[in-house]
Amino acid sequence: MAPRTARGPVAQGAADFKAGERMVNPAELPKERDHVRAITSLSDRLHAPVDAVDAIYRHEYDRLAQAARIPTYLVVLAMNKTRSILRRAETHPGHG
């Protein structure tokens, strides 16, 4: 039997959700797939840990999205900025 909440049964899999994990709105799944592809691509190309790339990429994406009038190229812009930050950190350790 599925666990229950004050509002009724918990959706399948929701009981396994851990604090800190991102819940994705199903309408945003295509966008999330783009983010995952961008993050894994950068991680592979730059030989950087996925967690580090994810944190920088999502921060830069969110920062760019706040001012974007047309969000079409946000993934590309966030990838470029993330790549730049990681390369700078690689050549100047300790200077972020």
Protein backbone atom coordinates (compact mmCIF):
# COMPACT_ATOMS: atom_id res chain seq x y z
CA MET A 1 0.00 0.00 0.00
CA ALA A 2 1.28 3.50 -0.87
CA PRO A 3 2.25 5.82 1.99
CA ARG A 4 -0.25 8.52 2.82
CA THR A 5 0.05 12.22 3.51
CA ALA A 6 -2.44 14.62 5.03
CA ARG A 7 -3.74 15.14 1.49
CA GLY A 8 -3.96 11.47 0.52
CA PRO A 9 -1.67 8.80 -0.95
CA VAL A 10 1.86 9.77 -1.87
CA ALA A 11 2.56 9.46 -5.59
CA GLN A 12 4.60 6.43 -6.66
CA GLY A 13 8.28 7.23 -6.08
CA ALA A 14 7.61 10.42 -4.12
CA ALA A 15 8.20 8.61 -0.83
CA ASP A 16 11.78 7.95 -1.96
CA PHE A 17 12.46 11.63 -2.69
CA LYS A 18 15.43 12.86 -0.66
CA ALA A 19 15.82 16.34 0.76
CA GLY A 20 17.86 18.53 -1.58
CA GLU A 21 16.88 16.70 -4.76
CA ARG A 22 15.21 18.72 -7.46
CA MET A 23 11.61 17.86 -8.33
CA VAL A 24 10.95 18.58 -11.99
CA ASN A 25 7.59 19.66 -13.31
CA PRO A 26 6.66 17.21 -16.12
CA ALA A 27 6.11 20.19 -18.43
CA GLU A 28 9.78 21.09 -17.93
CA LEU A 29 11.18 17.62 -18.74
CA PRO A 30 12.43 18.55 -22.23
CA LYS A 31 14.26 21.58 -20.75
CA GLU A 32 15.68 19.41 -17.94
CA ARG A 33 16.97 16.91 -20.52
CA ASP A 34 18.76 19.81 -22.26
CA HIS A 35 20.34 20.80 -18.94
CA VAL A 36 21.47 17.24 -18.20
CA ARG A 37 22.99 16.90 -21.69
CA ALA A 38 24.78 20.24 -21.33
CA ILE A 39 26.13 19.37 -17.89
CA THR A 40 27.34 15.90 -18.84
CA SER A 41 28.88 17.20 -22.06
CA LEU A 42 30.82 19.89 -20.19
CA SER A 43 31.87 17.42 -17.52
CA ASP A 44 33.17 14.98 -20.14
CA ARG A 45 34.96 17.61 -22.24
CA LEU A 46 36.58 19.39 -19.31
CA HIS A 47 37.19 16.29 -17.19
CA ALA A 48 35.42 18.03 -14.32
CA PRO A 49 33.21 16.41 -11.67
CA VAL A 50 29.54 16.40 -12.68
CA ASP A 51 28.50 17.87 -9.32
CA ALA A 52 30.80 20.87 -9.78
CA VAL A 53 29.64 21.45 -13.36
CA ASP A 54 25.99 21.06 -12.32
CA ALA A 55 26.30 23.67 -9.54
CA ILE A 56 28.07 26.24 -11.74
CA TYR A 57 25.85 25.61 -14.78
CA ARG A 58 22.57 25.89 -12.86
CA HIS A 59 23.75 29.04 -11.06
CA GLU A 60 24.75 30.66 -14.36
CA TYR A 61 21.58 29.49 -16.12
CA ASP A 62 19.38 30.95 -13.35
CA ARG A 63 21.37 34.20 -13.34
CA LEU A 64 21.07 34.58 -17.12
CA ALA A 65 17.40 33.59 -17.14
CA GLN A 66 16.51 36.47 -14.80
CA ALA A 67 17.45 39.05 -17.42
CA ALA A 68 16.64 37.09 -20.59
CA ARG A 69 13.89 38.42 -22.81
CA ILE A 70 14.20 35.52 -25.23
CA PRO A 71 15.22 32.26 -23.50
CA THR A 72 16.08 30.38 -26.70
CA TYR A 73 19.86 30.42 -26.24
CA LEU A 74 20.08 30.27 -22.45
CA VAL A 75 21.49 26.73 -22.46
CA VAL A 76 24.24 27.74 -24.89
CA LEU A 77 25.05 30.91 -22.94
CA ALA A 78 25.10 29.04 -19.63
CA MET A 79 27.36 26.36 -21.15
CA ASN A 80 29.79 29.01 -22.41
CA LYS A 81 29.91 30.81 -19.06
CA THR A 82 30.32 27.51 -17.16
CA ARG A 83 33.13 26.43 -19.49
CA SER A 84 34.85 29.78 -18.98
CA ILE A 85 34.58 29.57 -15.18
CA LEU A 86 35.89 26.01 -15.07
CA ARG A 87 38.80 26.75 -17.41
CA ARG A 88 39.72 29.84 -15.40
CA ALA A 89 39.63 27.78 -12.19
CA GLU A 90 41.83 25.16 -13.86
CA THR A 91 44.49 27.68 -14.90
CA HIS A 92 44.25 29.81 -11.73
CA PRO A 93 43.46 27.44 -8.84
CA GLY A 94 42.15 29.26 -5.79
CA HIS A 95 40.95 32.27 -7.79
CA GLY A 96 37.58 30.67 -8.83
